[in-house]
Amino acid sequence: MVFGVKYCGGCNPRYDRTTFFDTVKKRCPEAEFQYVQPEVTYDHLLVVCGCPSRCADISKIQVIGDTFKVSEESQMEQLITEIKQR
C-alpha cells in the first residue's frame, strides 16, 4: 500500500513534523511512503500539518482510499494504528 505524503507550508509549526514523520515511517515498515507528485494516484494520503488550521491544499491530489490529516504530536499513536489496519 502506498501513502502519498504532503507537508503543509510550515508557516506556524507547533511540533517537529520531520521527526514525527520519521517515527511513523520507522514504526510502519509495511507501508510505502512517497512524497506527493503530480499525476500520481495514491492508495492513501497522509497530510502532515504543523498547526490546527490544517490549511494544506490537497484538492489536486489523487487518492483512492483514506486521507489522514495530522496536526499535532499527540495524534501519532492513532495514526500508526490506522496505518497498520490498512
PDB file of N, CA and C in Angstrom:
ATOM      1  N   MET A   1       0.834  -1.161   0.000  1.00  0.00           N
ATOM      2  CA  MET A   1       0.000   0.000   0.000  1.00  0.00           C
ATOM      3  C   MET A   1       0.887   1.235   0.000  1.00  0.00           C
ATOM      4  N   VAL A   2       0.524   2.185  -0.822  1.00  0.00           N
ATOM      5  CA  VAL A   2       1.332   3.397  -0.986  1.00  0.00           C
ATOM      6  C   VAL A   2       0.584   4.594  -0.410  1.00  0.00           C
ATOM      7  N   PHE A   3       1.265   5.292   0.475  1.00  0.00           N
ATOM      8  CA  PHE A   3       0.746   6.523   1.056  1.00  0.00           C
ATOM      9  C   PHE A   3       1.445   7.701   0.400  1.00  0.00           C
ATOM     10  N   GLY A   4       0.679   8.608  -0.177  1.00  0.00           N
ATOM     11  CA  GLY A   4       1.248   9.872  -0.603  1.00  0.00           C
ATOM     12  C   GLY A   4       1.426  10.735   0.635  1.00  0.00           C
ATOM     13  N   VAL A   5       2.504  11.500   0.680  1.00  0.00           N
ATOM     14  CA  VAL A   5       2.785  12.345   1.840  1.00  0.00           C
ATOM     15  C   VAL A   5       2.873  13.791   1.396  1.00  0.00           C
ATOM     16  N   LYS A   6       2.111  14.643   2.060  1.00  0.00           N
ATOM     17  CA  LYS A   6       2.092  16.074   1.763  1.00  0.00           C
ATOM     18  C   LYS A   6       2.309  16.830   3.065  1.00  0.00           C
ATOM     19  N   TYR A   7       3.290  17.711   3.067  1.00  0.00           N
ATOM     20  CA  TYR A   7       3.502  18.606   4.205  1.00  0.00           C
ATOM     21  C   TYR A   7       2.780  19.918   3.929  1.00  0.00           C
ATOM     22  N   CYS A   8       2.328  20.578   4.988  1.00  0.00           N
ATOM     23  CA  CYS A   8       1.786  21.928   4.834  1.00  0.00           C
ATOM     24  C   CYS A   8       2.952  22.870   4.550  1.00  0.00           C
ATOM     25  N   GLY A   9       2.678  24.135   4.389  1.00  0.00           N
ATOM     26  CA  GLY A   9       3.726  25.109   4.084  1.00  0.00           C
ATOM     27  C   GLY A   9       4.645  25.439   5.243  1.00  0.00           C
ATOM     28  N   GLY A  10       4.266  25.068   6.453  1.00  0.00           N
ATOM     29  CA  GLY A  10       5.124  25.264   7.610  1.00  0.00           C
ATOM     30  C   GLY A  10       5.160  26.677   8.153  1.00  0.00           C
ATOM     31  N   CYS A  11       4.092  27.437   7.950  1.00  0.00           N
ATOM     32  CA  CYS A  11       4.100  28.835   8.395  1.00  0.00           C
ATOM     33  C   CYS A  11       3.957  28.980   9.908  1.00  0.00           C
ATOM     34  N   ASN A  12       3.408  27.956  10.582  1.00  0.00           N
ATOM     35  CA  ASN A  12       3.182  28.068  12.023  1.00  0.00           C
ATOM     36  C   ASN A  12       3.353  26.711  12.721  1.00  0.00           C
ATOM     37  N   PRO A  13       4.491  26.022  12.501  1.00  0.00           N
ATOM     38  CA  PRO A  13       4.635  24.677  13.078  1.00  0.00           C
ATOM     39  C   PRO A  13       4.730  24.711  14.601  1.00  0.00           C
ATOM     40  N   ARG A  14       4.009  23.792  15.222  1.00  0.00           N
ATOM     41  CA  ARG A  14       3.992  23.718  16.686  1.00  0.00           C
ATOM     42  C   ARG A  14       4.675  22.459  17.200  1.00  0.00           C
ATOM     43  N   TYR A  15       5.222  21.662  16.286  1.00  0.00           N
ATOM     44  CA  TYR A  15       5.973  20.464  16.646  1.00  0.00           C
ATOM     45  C   TYR A  15       6.912  20.152  15.483  1.00  0.00           C
ATOM     46  N   ASP A  16       7.839  19.240  15.703  1.00  0.00           N
ATOM     47  CA  ASP A  16       8.812  18.879  14.671  1.00  0.00           C
ATOM     48  C   ASP A  16       8.172  17.859  13.731  1.00  0.00           C
ATOM     49  N   ARG A  17       7.675  18.330  12.611  1.00  0.00           N
ATOM     50  CA  ARG A  17       6.952  17.473  11.666  1.00  0.00           C
ATOM     51  C   ARG A  17       7.847  16.413  11.049  1.00  0.00           C
ATOM     52  N   THR A  18       9.110  16.749  10.803  1.00  0.00           N
ATOM     53  CA  THR A  18      10.036  15.790  10.199  1.00  0.00           C
ATOM     54  C   THR A  18      10.289  14.624  11.144  1.00  0.00           C
ATOM     55  N   THR A  19      10.545  14.913  12.403  1.00  0.00           N
ATOM     56  CA  THR A  19      10.751  13.849  13.389  1.00  0.00           C
ATOM     57  C   THR A  19       9.491  13.005  13.534  1.00  0.00           C
ATOM     58  N   PHE A  20       8.342  13.646  13.530  1.00  0.00           N
ATOM     59  CA  PHE A  20       7.061  12.942  13.606  1.00  0.00           C
ATOM     60  C   PHE A  20       6.955  11.942  12.461  1.00  0.00           C
ATOM     61  N   PHE A  21       7.169  12.407  11.235  1.00  0.00           N
ATOM     62  CA  PHE A  21       7.030  11.535  10.072  1.00  0.00           C
ATOM     63  C   PHE A  21       8.091  10.442  10.064  1.00  0.00           C
ATOM     64  N   ASP A  22       9.314  10.761  10.443  1.00  0.00           N
ATOM     65  CA  ASP A  22      10.369   9.743  10.511  1.00  0.00           C
ATOM     66  C   ASP A  22       9.984   8.621  11.473  1.00  0.00           C
ATOM     67  N   THR A  23       9.391   8.978  12.592  1.00  0.00           N
ATOM     68  CA  THR A  23       8.956   7.975  13.565  1.00  0.00           C
ATOM     69  C   THR A  23       7.838   7.113  12.998  1.00  0.00           C
ATOM     70  N   VAL A  24       6.887   7.726  12.327  1.00  0.00           N
ATOM     71  CA  VAL A  24       5.791   6.973  11.709  1.00  0.00           C
ATOM     72  C   VAL A  24       6.351   5.984  10.689  1.00  0.00           C
ATOM     73  N   LYS A  25       7.274   6.426   9.849  1.00  0.00           N
ATOM     74  CA  LYS A  25       7.875   5.534   8.845  1.00  0.00           C
ATOM     75  C   LYS A  25       8.561   4.339   9.502  1.00  0.00           C
ATOM     76  N   LYS A  26       9.314   4.592  10.546  1.00  0.00           N
ATOM     77  CA  LYS A  26      10.039   3.511  11.225  1.00  0.00           C
ATOM     78  C   LYS A  26       9.091   2.506  11.867  1.00  0.00           C
ATOM     79  N   ARG A  27       7.983   2.988  12.372  1.00  0.00           N
ATOM     80  CA  ARG A  27       7.042   2.105  13.065  1.00  0.00           C
ATOM     81  C   ARG A  27       6.031   1.442  12.133  1.00  0.00           C
ATOM     82  N   CYS A  28       6.030   1.839  10.865  1.00  0.00           N
ATOM     83  CA  CYS A  28       5.105   1.259   9.878  1.00  0.00           C
ATOM     84  C   CYS A  28       5.885   0.774   8.657  1.00  0.00           C
ATOM     85  N   PRO A  29       6.786  -0.191   8.839  1.00  0.00           N
ATOM     86  CA  PRO A  29       7.609  -0.632   7.706  1.00  0.00           C
ATOM     87  C   PRO A  29       6.810  -1.318   6.602  1.00  0.00           C
ATOM     88  N   GLU A  30       5.593  -1.744   6.913  1.00  0.00           N
ATOM     89  CA  GLU A  30       4.759  -2.407   5.914  1.00  0.00           C
ATOM     90  C   GLU A  30       4.158  -1.425   4.911  1.00  0.00           C
ATOM     91  N   ALA A  31       4.207  -0.150   5.221  1.00  0.00           N
ATOM     92  CA  ALA A  31       3.652   0.879   4.330  1.00  0.00           C
ATOM     93  C   ALA A  31       4.768   1.524   3.519  1.00  0.00           C
ATOM     94  N   GLU A  32       4.437   1.884   2.300  1.00  0.00           N
ATOM     95  CA  GLU A  32       5.378   2.633   1.457  1.00  0.00           C
ATOM     96  C   GLU A  32       4.912   4.085   1.439  1.00  0.00           C
ATOM     97  N   PHE A  33       5.832   4.991   1.728  1.00  0.00           N
ATOM     98  CA  PHE A  33       5.518   6.415   1.752  1.00  0.00           C
ATOM     99  C   PHE A  33       6.254   7.112   0.618  1.00  0.00           C
ATOM    100  N   GLN A  34       5.524   7.920  -0.148  1.00  0.00           N
ATOM    101  CA  GLN A  34       6.116   8.685  -1.248  1.00  0.00           C
ATOM    102  C   GLN A  34       5.640  10.127  -1.139  1.00  0.00           C
ATOM    103  N   TYR A  35       6.582  11.047  -1.315  1.00  0.00           N
ATOM    104  CA  TYR A  35       6.169  12.448  -1.343  1.00  0.00           C
ATOM    105  C   TYR A  35       5.297  12.662  -2.573  1.00  0.00           C
ATOM    106  N   VAL A  36       4.232  13.411  -2.407  1.00  0.00           N
ATOM    107  CA  VAL A  36       3.227  13.604  -3.451  1.00  0.00           C
ATOM    108  C   VAL A  36       3.843  14.197  -4.716  1.00  0.00           C
ATOM    109  N   GLN A  37       3.472  13.597  -5.833  1.00  0.00           N
ATOM    110  CA  GLN A  37       3.886  14.056  -7.157  1.00  0.00           C
ATOM    111  C   GLN A  37       2.628  14.249  -8.007  1.00  0.00           C
ATOM    112  N   PRO A  38       2.668  15.197  -8.948  1.00  0.00           N
ATOM    113  CA  PRO A  38       1.507  15.381  -9.826  1.00  0.00           C
ATOM    114  C   PRO A  38       1.264  14.143 -10.685  1.00  0.00           C
ATOM    115  N   GLU A  39       0.031  13.927 -11.017  1.00  0.00           N
ATOM    116  CA  GLU A  39      -0.364  12.860 -11.940  1.00  0.00           C
ATOM    117  C   GLU A  39      -0.197  11.453 -11.365  1.00  0.00           C
ATOM    118  N   VAL A  40       0.033  11.328 -10.076  1.00  0.00           N
ATOM    119  CA  VAL A  40       0.163  10.018  -9.437  1.00  0.00           C
ATOM    120  C   VAL A  40      -1.046   9.811  -8.532  1.00  0.00           C
ATOM    121  N   THR A  41      -1.611   8.608  -8.575  1.00  0.00           N
ATOM    122  CA  THR A  41      -2.721   8.263  -7.697  1.00  0.00           C
ATOM    123  C   THR A  41      -2.188   7.395  -6.562  1.00  0.00           C
ATOM    124  N   TYR A  42      -2.571   7.739  -5.344  1.00  0.00           N
ATOM    125  CA  TYR A  42      -2.087   7.039  -4.158  1.00  0.00           C
ATOM    126  C   TYR A  42      -3.201   6.216  -3.524  1.00  0.00           C
ATOM    127  N   ASP A  43      -2.808   5.144  -2.845  1.00  0.00           N
ATOM    128  CA  ASP A  43      -3.793   4.335  -2.123  1.00  0.00           C
ATOM    129  C   ASP A  43      -4.411   5.144  -0.987  1.00  0.00           C
ATOM    130  N   HIS A  44      -3.566   5.861  -0.259  1.00  0.00           N
ATOM    131  CA  HIS A  44      -3.998   6.701   0.857  1.00  0.00           C
ATOM    132  C   HIS A  44      -3.140   7.956   0.859  1.00  0.00           C
ATOM    133  N   LEU A  45      -3.569   8.953   1.614  1.00  0.00           N
ATOM    134  CA  LEU A  45      -2.842  10.219   1.687  1.00  0.00           C
ATOM    135  C   LEU A  45      -2.606  10.592   3.144  1.00  0.00           C
ATOM    136  N   LEU A  46      -1.367  10.978   3.455  1.00  0.00           N
ATOM    137  CA  LEU A  46      -1.010  11.485   4.776  1.00  0.00           C
ATOM    138  C   LEU A  46      -0.622  12.945   4.624  1.00  0.00           C
ATOM    139  N   VAL A  47      -1.347  13.811   5.313  1.00  0.00           N
ATOM    140  CA  VAL A  47      -1.079  15.243   5.274  1.00  0.00           C
ATOM    141  C   VAL A  47      -0.521  15.640   6.639  1.00  0.00           C
ATOM    142  N   VAL A  48       0.740  16.077   6.643  1.00  0.00           N
ATOM    143  CA  VAL A  48       1.418  16.434   7.890  1.00  0.00           C
ATOM    144  C   VAL A  48       1.358  17.950   8.041  1.00  0.00           C
ATOM    145  N   CYS A  49       0.443  18.389   8.881  1.00  0.00           N
ATOM    146  CA  CYS A  49       0.225  19.819   9.108  1.00  0.00           C
ATOM    147  C   CYS A  49       0.920  20.246  10.398  1.00  0.00           C
ATOM    148  N   GLY A  50       1.365  21.486  10.441  1.00  0.00           N
ATOM    149  CA  GLY A  50       2.097  21.977  11.596  1.00  0.00           C
ATOM    150  C   GLY A  50       1.246  22.584  12.688  1.00  0.00           C
ATOM    151  N   CYS A  51      -0.019  22.871  12.382  1.00  0.00           N
ATOM    152  CA  CYS A  51      -0.874  23.507  13.389  1.00  0.00           C
ATOM    153  C   CYS A  51      -2.334  23.106  13.154  1.00  0.00           C
ATOM    154  N   PRO A  52      -3.213  23.437  14.067  1.00  0.00           N
ATOM    155  CA  PRO A  52      -4.615  23.020  13.964  1.00  0.00           C
ATOM    156  C   PRO A  52      -5.394  23.582  12.776  1.00  0.00           C
ATOM    157  N   SER A  53      -4.905  24.617  12.110  1.00  0.00           N
ATOM    158  CA  SER A  53      -5.666  25.149  10.969  1.00  0.00           C
ATOM    159  C   SER A  53      -5.698  24.171   9.800  1.00  0.00           C
ATOM    160  N   ARG A  54      -4.722  23.296   9.693  1.00  0.00           N
ATOM    161  CA  ARG A  54      -4.664  22.234   8.669  1.00  0.00           C
ATOM    162  C   ARG A  54      -5.003  22.762   7.279  1.00  0.00           C
ATOM    163  N   CYS A  55      -4.302  23.799   6.872  1.00  0.00           N
ATOM    164  CA  CYS A  55      -4.648  24.517   5.646  1.00  0.00           C
ATOM    165  C   CYS A  55      -3.962  24.000   4.377  1.00  0.00           C
ATOM    166  N   ALA A  56      -3.227  22.911   4.451  1.00  0.00           N
ATOM    167  CA  ALA A  56      -2.546  22.388   3.260  1.00  0.00           C
ATOM    168  C   ALA A  56      -3.564  22.102   2.157  1.00  0.00           C
ATOM    169  N   ASP A  57      -3.265  22.560   0.954  1.00  0.00           N
ATOM    170  CA  ASP A  57      -4.159  22.343  -0.188  1.00  0.00           C
ATOM    171  C   ASP A  57      -3.918  20.951  -0.766  1.00  0.00           C
ATOM    172  N   ILE A  58      -4.925  20.112  -0.690  1.00  0.00           N
ATOM    173  CA  ILE A  58      -4.809  18.758  -1.229  1.00  0.00           C
ATOM    174  C   ILE A  58      -5.820  18.518  -2.350  1.00  0.00           C
ATOM    175  N   SER A  59      -6.410  19.584  -2.843  1.00  0.00           N
ATOM    176  CA  SER A  59      -7.507  19.468  -3.808  1.00  0.00           C
ATOM    177  C   SER A  59      -7.110  18.785  -5.114  1.00  0.00           C
ATOM    178  N   LYS A  60      -5.855  18.831  -5.495  1.00  0.00           N
ATOM    179  CA  LYS A  60      -5.435  18.244  -6.771  1.00  0.00           C
ATOM    180  C   LYS A  60      -4.722  16.907  -6.613  1.00  0.00           C
ATOM    181  N   ILE A  61      -4.680  16.394  -5.401  1.00  0.00           N
ATOM    182  CA  ILE A  61      -4.010  15.119  -5.161  1.00  0.00           C
ATOM    183  C   ILE A  61      -5.007  13.989  -5.373  1.00  0.00           C
ATOM    184  N   GLN A  62      -4.594  13.000  -6.142  1.00  0.00           N
ATOM    185  CA  GLN A  62      -5.455  11.871  -6.455  1.00  0.00           C
ATOM    186  C   GLN A  62      -5.222  10.757  -5.439  1.00  0.00           C
ATOM    187  N   VAL A  63      -6.292  10.368  -4.762  1.00  0.00           N
ATOM    188  CA  VAL A  63      -6.191   9.325  -3.743  1.00  0.00           C
ATOM    189  C   VAL A  63      -7.410   8.417  -3.823  1.00  0.00           C
ATOM    190  N   ILE A  64      -7.172   7.119  -3.745  1.00  0.00           N
ATOM    191  CA  ILE A  64      -8.248   6.136  -3.836  1.00  0.00           C
ATOM    192  C   ILE A  64      -8.927   5.925  -2.488  1.00  0.00           C
ATOM    193  N   GLY A  65      -8.118   5.811  -1.450  1.00  0.00           N
ATOM    194  CA  GLY A  65      -8.632   5.462  -0.122  1.00  0.00           C
ATOM    195  C   GLY A  65      -8.772   6.649   0.805  1.00  0.00           C
ATOM    196  N   ASP A  66      -8.257   6.465   2.002  1.00  0.00           N
ATOM    197  CA  ASP A  66      -8.438   7.446   3.071  1.00  0.00           C
ATOM    198  C   ASP A  66      -7.391   8.552   3.052  1.00  0.00           C
ATOM    199  N   THR A  67      -7.789   9.697   3.583  1.00  0.00           N
ATOM    200  CA  THR A  67      -6.879  10.824   3.797  1.00  0.00           C
ATOM    201  C   THR A  67      -6.745  11.030   5.296  1.00  0.00           C
ATOM    202  N   PHE A  68      -5.504  11.066   5.763  1.00  0.00           N
ATOM    203  CA  PHE A  68      -5.206  11.266   7.177  1.00  0.00           C
ATOM    204  C   PHE A  68      -4.520  12.609   7.335  1.00  0.00           C
ATOM    205  N   LYS A  69      -5.150  13.516   8.081  1.00  0.00           N
ATOM    206  CA  LYS A  69      -4.556  14.829   8.364  1.00  0.00           C
ATOM    207  C   LYS A  69      -4.138  14.853   9.822  1.00  0.00           C
ATOM    208  N   VAL A  70      -2.856  15.091  10.058  1.00  0.00           N
ATOM    209  CA  VAL A  70      -2.366  15.202  11.428  1.00  0.00           C
ATOM    210  C   VAL A  70      -1.857  16.617  11.646  1.00  0.00           C
ATOM    211  N   SER A  71      -2.063  17.111  12.867  1.00  0.00           N
ATOM    212  CA  SER A  71      -1.655  18.485  13.152  1.00  0.00           C
ATOM    213  C   SER A  71      -1.005  18.644  14.526  1.00  0.00           C
ATOM    214  N   GLU A  72      -0.773  17.519  15.207  1.00  0.00           N
ATOM    215  CA  GLU A  72      -0.081  17.596  16.490  1.00  0.00           C
ATOM    216  C   GLU A  72       0.511  16.231  16.834  1.00  0.00           C
ATOM    217  N   GLU A  73       1.561  16.255  17.637  1.00  0.00           N
ATOM    218  CA  GLU A  73       2.266  15.024  18.001  1.00  0.00           C
ATOM    219  C   GLU A  73       1.376  14.005  18.684  1.00  0.00           C
ATOM    220  N   SER A  74       0.404  14.457  19.427  1.00  0.00           N
ATOM    221  CA  SER A  74      -0.452  13.534  20.176  1.00  0.00           C
ATOM    222  C   SER A  74      -1.274  12.617  19.264  1.00  0.00           C
ATOM    223  N   GLN A  75      -1.302  12.885  17.977  1.00  0.00           N
ATOM    224  CA  GLN A  75      -2.055  12.058  17.032  1.00  0.00           C
ATOM    225  C   GLN A  75      -1.247  10.873  16.506  1.00  0.00           C
ATOM    226  N   MET A  76       0.009  10.751  16.927  1.00  0.00           N
ATOM    227  CA  MET A  76       0.883   9.732  16.359  1.00  0.00           C
ATOM    228  C   MET A  76       0.379   8.311  16.585  1.00  0.00           C
ATOM    229  N   GLU A  77       0.042   7.952  17.801  1.00  0.00           N
ATOM    230  CA  GLU A  77      -0.361   6.569  18.085  1.00  0.00           C
ATOM    231  C   GLU A  77      -1.613   6.181  17.314  1.00  0.00           C
ATOM    232  N   GLN A  78      -2.578   7.082  17.246  1.00  0.00           N
ATOM    233  CA  GLN A  78      -3.796   6.799  16.482  1.00  0.00           C
ATOM    234  C   GLN A  78      -3.482   6.640  15.001  1.00  0.00           C
ATOM    235  N   LEU A  79      -2.623   7.493  14.477  1.00  0.00           N
ATOM    236  CA  LEU A  79      -2.239   7.398  13.067  1.00  0.00           C
ATOM    237  C   LEU A  79      -1.567   6.062  12.784  1.00  0.00           C
ATOM    238  N   ILE A  80      -0.633   5.663  13.616  1.00  0.00           N
ATOM    239  CA  ILE A  80       0.072   4.394  13.414  1.00  0.00           C
ATOM    240  C   ILE A  80      -0.910   3.230  13.455  1.00  0.00           C
ATOM    241  N   THR A  81      -1.845   3.267  14.372  1.00  0.00           N
ATOM    242  CA  THR A  81      -2.875   2.229  14.439  1.00  0.00           C
ATOM    243  C   THR A  81      -3.675   2.184  13.146  1.00  0.00           C
ATOM    244  N   GLU A  82      -4.079   3.344  12.646  1.00  0.00           N
ATOM    245  CA  GLU A  82      -4.856   3.413  11.397  1.00  0.00           C
ATOM    246  C   GLU A  82      -4.053   2.882  10.210  1.00  0.00           C
ATOM    247  N   ILE A  83      -2.795   3.244  10.125  1.00  0.00           N
ATOM    248  CA  ILE A  83      -1.957   2.772   9.017  1.00  0.00           C
ATOM    249  C   ILE A  83      -1.828   1.257   9.060  1.00  0.00           C
ATOM    250  N   LYS A  84      -1.594   0.709  10.221  1.00  0.00           N
ATOM    251  CA  LYS A  84      -1.419  -0.740  10.358  1.00  0.00           C
ATOM    252  C   LYS A  84      -2.702  -1.508  10.041  1.00  0.00           C
ATOM    253  N   GLN A  85      -3.855  -0.858  10.135  1.00  0.00           N
ATOM    254  CA  GLN A  85      -5.129  -1.505   9.815  1.00  0.00           C
ATOM    255  C   GLN A  85      -5.413  -1.513   8.318  1.00  0.00           C
ATOM    256  N   ARG A  86      -4.638  -0.804   7.527  1.00  0.00           N
ATOM    257  CA  ARG A  86      -4.892  -0.728   6.085  1.00  0.00           C
ATOM    258  C   ARG A  86      -4.299  -1.908   5.374  1.00  0.00           C
TER     259      ARG A  86
END
